[in-house]
Amino acid sequence: MAIFQKKRRNILPGFGLSMGYTVFYLSAVVIVPLSMIFFNAIPMGWEPFLSAVTAPRVLASYKLSFSTAFLAALFDAVAGLLTAWVLVRYRFPGKAFLDALVDIPFALPTAVAGICFATLYSPVGWLGEITAKWNIEVINSPTGIVVALIFIGFPFVVRTLQPVLEELEPEIEESAHCLGATRLQTFRKILLPHLFPALLTGSTLAFARGIGEYGSVIFIAGNLPMKTEIAPLMIMSKLDQYDYNGASAVALVLLVISFSMILLLNAIQEWQQKEYR
């Protein structure tokens, strides 16, 4: 006897209409604007393109942007994990206020954050006076850039880890303790395998965000040639000189690297999901 299955009713329209709207929206908002970078860089030719993206100041800006973004992402991974753990596992007065503070870097204009850090770490600032006594230079140094990027990337890690931690039952940890596992063993063998994909995602997003950060960095970096010039600043400098092709070439390199990181991250996550299955 034939079994007829009732057609599933969805709140959203059918696949054709939904898919058409998705492709149109992504094309209008993401693909078309980004494609302008390619159209501006292609007419340069191969040799001028290589000359633009391998100039000494540009290479120095790549090195600075990637190194500082990487260090900031590492710090955010540790601090974000601890913060997400506290917000999920414990109840205490002011928890809602602390949870709201995590989203401040999302809502705050980056230029405002840059001015705040530049004032705070200036030689006459509250923290600047303390760091000066220890001969730690924050203003006009890569250290200041790392500080600004930590602030910008911190919410990505926390908000990525929180849903995963909320799904992990505390009873899992209690069972491990009852079976004789230490806290380190419980974290390394039970919690970390579940948290690692989310931790990797949040850290990668923080790293990618740090590569392209501009507003919060320029106020604290000092923008010294070959020392504290970040890659986005090189793009702005070329635009100020009406070198649109050169700016597009540098932007294209950053775009390709960032997009490659996202693709690699998605591939790793898909592979890990297959392993768990």
Protein backbone atom coordinates (compact mmCIF):
# COMPACT_ATOMS: atom_id res chain seq x y z
CA MET A 1 0.00 0.00 0.00
CA ALA A 2 1.37 3.35 -0.96
CA ILE A 3 2.32 5.63 1.87
CA PHE A 4 1.74 9.25 1.21
CA GLN A 5 3.83 11.68 3.15
CA LYS A 6 2.34 14.98 4.03
CA LYS A 7 4.23 17.83 2.45
CA ARG A 8 6.20 19.76 5.04
CA ARG A 9 5.05 23.32 5.49
CA ASN A 10 7.72 25.91 6.22
CA ILE A 11 7.34 29.42 7.50
CA LEU A 12 9.66 30.74 4.77
CA PRO A 13 8.81 30.46 1.07
CA GLY A 14 9.93 27.53 -1.07
CA PHE A 15 13.52 26.77 -1.98
CA GLY A 16 13.41 28.56 -5.33
CA LEU A 17 12.23 31.88 -3.97
CA SER A 18 14.35 31.71 -0.81
CA MET A 19 17.46 30.74 -2.77
CA GLY A 20 16.86 33.46 -5.34
CA TYR A 21 16.53 36.11 -2.64
CA THR A 22 19.66 34.81 -0.87
CA VAL A 23 21.76 34.92 -4.03
CA PHE A 24 20.43 38.38 -4.92
CA TYR A 25 21.09 39.75 -1.44
CA LEU A 26 24.62 38.34 -1.22
CA SER A 27 25.39 39.58 -4.71
CA ALA A 28 24.16 43.11 -4.02
CA VAL A 29 25.73 43.44 -0.58
CA VAL A 30 28.88 41.32 -0.78
CA ILE A 31 29.89 40.02 -4.21
CA VAL A 32 29.33 43.14 -6.35
CA PRO A 33 31.13 45.59 -3.98
CA LEU A 34 34.08 43.23 -3.50
CA SER A 35 34.33 42.53 -7.22
CA MET A 36 35.22 46.20 -7.75
CA ILE A 37 38.57 45.43 -6.12
CA PHE A 38 39.33 42.91 -8.88
CA PHE A 39 38.18 45.26 -11.66
CA ASN A 40 40.42 48.03 -10.33
CA ALA A 41 43.46 45.79 -9.86
CA ILE A 42 43.28 43.75 -13.11
CA PRO A 43 43.99 46.68 -15.49
CA MET A 44 47.32 47.27 -13.70
CA GLY A 45 48.99 44.29 -15.28
CA TRP A 46 51.03 41.62 -13.50
CA GLU A 47 54.30 43.51 -13.04
CA PRO A 48 52.78 46.75 -11.66
CA PHE A 49 50.57 44.62 -9.40
CA LEU A 50 53.57 42.77 -7.96
CA SER A 51 55.45 46.04 -7.58
CA ALA A 52 52.54 47.55 -5.63
CA VAL A 53 51.99 44.64 -3.26
CA THR A 54 55.69 43.87 -2.64
CA ALA A 55 56.94 47.39 -1.96
CA PRO A 56 59.06 47.52 1.22
CA ARG A 57 56.56 49.64 3.17
CA VAL A 58 53.69 47.41 2.07
CA LEU A 59 55.54 44.23 3.09
CA ALA A 60 56.35 45.78 6.45
CA SER A 61 52.67 46.64 6.92
CA TYR A 62 51.68 43.03 6.10
CA LYS A 63 54.11 41.69 8.65
CA LEU A 64 52.90 44.09 11.32
CA SER A 65 49.20 43.52 10.65
CA PHE A 66 49.42 39.73 10.62
CA SER A 67 51.74 39.42 13.63
CA THR A 68 49.77 41.79 15.86
CA ALA A 69 46.43 40.27 14.80
CA PHE A 70 47.78 36.78 15.56
CA LEU A 71 49.02 37.75 19.02
CA ALA A 72 45.75 39.50 19.81
CA ALA A 73 43.76 36.44 18.65
CA LEU A 74 45.81 34.16 20.91
CA PHE A 75 45.15 36.39 23.90
CA ASP A 76 41.45 36.62 23.03
CA ALA A 77 41.25 32.82 22.80
CA VAL A 78 42.40 32.41 26.41
CA ALA A 79 40.60 35.43 27.86
CA GLY A 80 37.45 34.74 25.84
CA LEU A 81 37.30 31.13 27.01
CA LEU A 82 37.63 32.15 30.67
CA THR A 83 35.03 34.90 30.29
CA ALA A 84 32.54 32.65 28.51
CA TRP A 85 33.04 29.98 31.19
CA VAL A 86 32.31 32.45 33.99
CA LEU A 87 29.24 33.86 32.25
CA VAL A 88 27.77 30.41 31.59
CA ARG A 89 28.78 28.37 34.63
CA TYR A 90 28.35 30.87 37.51
CA ARG A 91 25.66 33.13 38.90
CA PHE A 92 26.70 36.34 40.63
CA PRO A 93 25.48 39.93 41.09
CA GLY A 94 26.13 42.09 38.05
CA LYS A 95 26.31 39.16 35.64
CA ALA A 96 23.90 40.80 33.18
CA PHE A 97 25.97 44.00 33.23
CA LEU A 98 29.19 42.06 32.65
CA ASP A 99 27.56 40.13 29.82
CA ALA A 100 26.46 43.39 28.19
CA LEU A 101 30.00 44.81 28.42
CA VAL A 102 31.23 42.02 26.15
CA ASP A 103 29.27 43.51 23.24
CA ILE A 104 30.64 47.04 23.70
CA PRO A 105 33.36 46.58 21.01
CA PHE A 106 30.59 45.63 18.55
CA ALA A 107 28.55 48.77 19.21
CA LEU A 108 31.30 51.30 19.93
CA PRO A 109 32.76 53.18 16.94
CA THR A 110 36.32 52.03 16.45
CA ALA A 111 37.59 55.60 16.33
CA VAL A 112 36.18 56.19 19.81
CA ALA A 113 38.02 53.10 21.06
CA GLY A 114 41.25 54.36 19.47
CA ILE A 115 40.96 57.75 21.16
CA CYS A 116 40.25 56.08 24.50
CA PHE A 117 43.33 53.86 24.26
CA ALA A 118 45.53 56.71 23.05
CA THR A 119 44.45 58.83 26.01
CA LEU A 120 44.71 55.98 28.51
CA TYR A 121 48.21 54.90 27.46
CA SER A 122 49.67 58.32 26.73
CA PRO A 123 52.67 59.33 28.88
CA VAL A 124 50.30 61.34 31.09
CA GLY A 125 47.47 58.81 31.01
CA TRP A 126 46.39 56.61 33.90
CA LEU A 127 48.04 53.47 32.56
CA GLY A 128 50.66 55.31 30.52
CA GLU A 129 52.33 56.61 33.66
CA ILE A 130 52.54 53.06 35.03
CA THR A 131 53.89 51.50 31.84
CA ALA A 132 56.43 54.32 31.52
CA LYS A 133 57.88 53.41 34.92
CA TRP A 134 58.44 49.88 33.64
CA ASN A 135 59.89 51.16 30.35
CA ILE A 136 57.01 49.63 28.42
CA GLU A 137 56.13 51.68 25.35
CA VAL A 138 52.51 51.31 24.28
CA ILE A 139 51.88 54.44 22.24
CA ASN A 140 53.57 54.45 18.83
CA SER A 141 54.54 50.78 19.11
CA PRO A 142 53.27 47.34 18.03
CA THR A 143 52.27 46.73 21.66
CA GLY A 144 49.61 49.41 21.39
CA ILE A 145 48.28 47.83 18.20
CA VAL A 146 47.96 44.47 19.96
CA VAL A 147 46.07 46.12 22.82
CA ALA A 148 43.60 47.72 20.41
CA LEU A 149 43.09 44.48 18.46
CA ILE A 150 42.48 42.52 21.66
CA PHE A 151 39.64 44.91 22.45
CA ILE A 152 38.15 44.56 18.97
CA GLY A 153 38.36 40.76 18.69
CA PHE A 154 37.38 39.78 22.24
CA PRO A 155 33.59 39.55 21.66
CA PHE A 156 33.99 37.16 18.72
CA VAL A 157 35.50 34.48 20.95
CA VAL A 158 33.09 34.93 23.85
CA ARG A 159 29.92 34.94 21.75
CA THR A 160 31.07 31.92 19.76
CA LEU A 161 31.86 29.85 22.85
CA GLN A 162 28.82 30.71 24.96
CA PRO A 163 26.23 28.61 23.05
CA VAL A 164 28.54 25.59 23.08
CA LEU A 165 29.17 25.89 26.82
CA GLU A 166 25.46 26.21 27.49
CA GLU A 167 24.85 22.90 25.71
CA LEU A 168 27.46 21.08 27.81
CA GLU A 169 25.82 19.70 30.92
CA PRO A 170 27.75 20.21 34.20
CA GLU A 171 26.94 16.58 35.00
CA ILE A 172 29.54 15.53 32.41
CA GLU A 173 32.28 17.16 34.45
CA GLU A 174 30.90 15.72 37.70
CA SER A 175 30.88 12.22 36.21
CA ALA A 176 34.49 12.62 35.15
CA HIS A 177 35.49 13.72 38.65
CA CYS A 178 33.64 10.74 40.15
CA LEU A 179 35.61 8.43 37.87
CA GLY A 180 38.87 9.86 39.19
CA ALA A 181 39.76 12.37 36.47
CA THR A 182 41.58 15.50 37.51
CA ARG A 183 40.43 18.95 36.47
CA LEU A 184 43.13 19.13 33.83
CA GLN A 185 42.21 15.73 32.43
CA THR A 186 38.53 16.67 32.38
CA PHE A 187 39.25 19.84 30.48
CA ARG A 188 41.74 18.30 28.05
CA LYS A 189 39.92 15.07 27.20
CA ILE A 190 36.24 15.95 27.67
CA LEU A 191 35.63 19.70 27.42
CA LEU A 192 38.30 20.82 24.96
CA PRO A 193 37.26 18.46 22.10
CA HIS A 194 33.77 19.98 22.26
CA LEU A 195 34.96 23.55 22.68
CA PHE A 196 37.81 23.50 20.16
CA PRO A 197 35.73 24.05 16.97
CA ALA A 198 33.98 27.07 18.50
CA LEU A 199 37.24 28.34 19.98
CA LEU A 200 38.94 28.02 16.60
CA THR A 201 36.05 29.81 14.90
CA GLY A 202 36.03 32.72 17.34
CA SER A 203 39.82 33.09 17.26
CA THR A 204 39.89 33.01 13.46
CA LEU A 205 37.17 35.65 13.25
CA ALA A 206 39.10 37.80 15.74
CA PHE A 207 42.27 37.33 13.68
CA ALA A 208 40.52 38.21 10.42
CA ARG A 209 38.90 41.23 12.06
CA GLY A 210 42.27 42.37 13.38
CA ILE A 211 43.87 42.22 9.93
CA GLY A 212 41.40 44.76 8.58
CA GLU A 213 41.05 46.95 11.66
CA TYR A 214 41.78 50.63 11.06
CA GLY A 215 39.92 53.09 13.26
CA SER A 216 41.04 51.90 16.69
CA VAL A 217 44.66 51.38 15.60
CA ILE A 218 45.71 54.57 13.87
CA PHE A 219 45.31 56.68 17.01
CA ILE A 220 47.56 54.50 19.14
CA ALA A 221 50.02 53.21 16.52
CA GLY A 222 51.58 56.55 15.59
CA ASN A 223 51.76 55.40 11.93
CA LEU A 224 55.55 55.44 11.76
CA PRO A 225 56.86 54.32 8.34
CA MET A 226 58.27 50.77 8.35
CA LYS A 227 57.47 50.46 12.08
CA THR A 228 53.82 50.98 12.98
CA GLU A 229 52.08 51.27 9.63
CA ILE A 230 49.32 48.67 9.29
CA ALA A 231 48.08 47.32 5.94
CA PRO A 232 44.73 49.19 6.00
CA LEU A 233 46.67 52.41 6.54
CA MET A 234 48.65 51.72 3.37
CA ILE A 235 45.38 51.43 1.49
CA MET A 236 44.21 54.78 2.84
CA SER A 237 47.57 56.36 2.03
CA LYS A 238 47.36 55.22 -1.58
CA LEU A 239 43.81 56.52 -1.82
CA ASP A 240 44.96 59.91 -0.51
CA GLN A 241 47.54 59.90 -3.32
CA TYR A 242 44.80 58.99 -5.85
CA ASP A 243 46.56 55.68 -6.49
CA TYR A 244 43.33 53.70 -6.77
CA ASN A 245 44.94 50.78 -8.57
CA GLY A 246 47.65 50.46 -5.93
CA ALA A 247 45.08 50.64 -3.13
CA SER A 248 43.00 47.98 -4.86
CA ALA A 249 46.05 45.75 -5.22
CA VAL A 250 46.84 45.87 -1.49
CA ALA A 251 43.16 45.41 -0.66
CA LEU A 252 42.99 42.40 -2.99
CA VAL A 253 45.82 40.68 -1.12
CA LEU A 254 44.06 41.19 2.21
CA LEU A 255 40.77 40.02 0.74
CA VAL A 256 42.26 36.82 -0.69
CA ILE A 257 44.03 35.98 2.57
CA SER A 258 40.97 36.65 4.72
CA PHE A 259 38.67 34.69 2.42
CA SER A 260 41.12 31.79 2.29
CA MET A 261 41.16 31.69 6.09
CA ILE A 262 37.37 31.51 6.22
CA LEU A 263 37.30 28.70 3.63
CA LEU A 264 39.96 26.78 5.55
CA LEU A 265 38.04 27.26 8.78
CA ASN A 266 34.83 25.93 7.20
CA ALA A 267 36.71 22.91 5.83
CA ILE A 268 38.17 22.14 9.26
CA GLN A 269 34.77 22.42 10.91
CA GLU A 270 33.17 20.14 8.32
CA TRP A 271 35.94 17.59 8.81
CA GLN A 272 35.51 17.68 12.59
CA GLN A 273 31.77 17.19 12.28
CA LYS A 274 32.35 14.09 10.15
CA GLU A 275 34.77 12.77 12.76
CA TYR A 276 32.15 13.14 15.52
CA ARG A 277 29.58 11.34 13.40
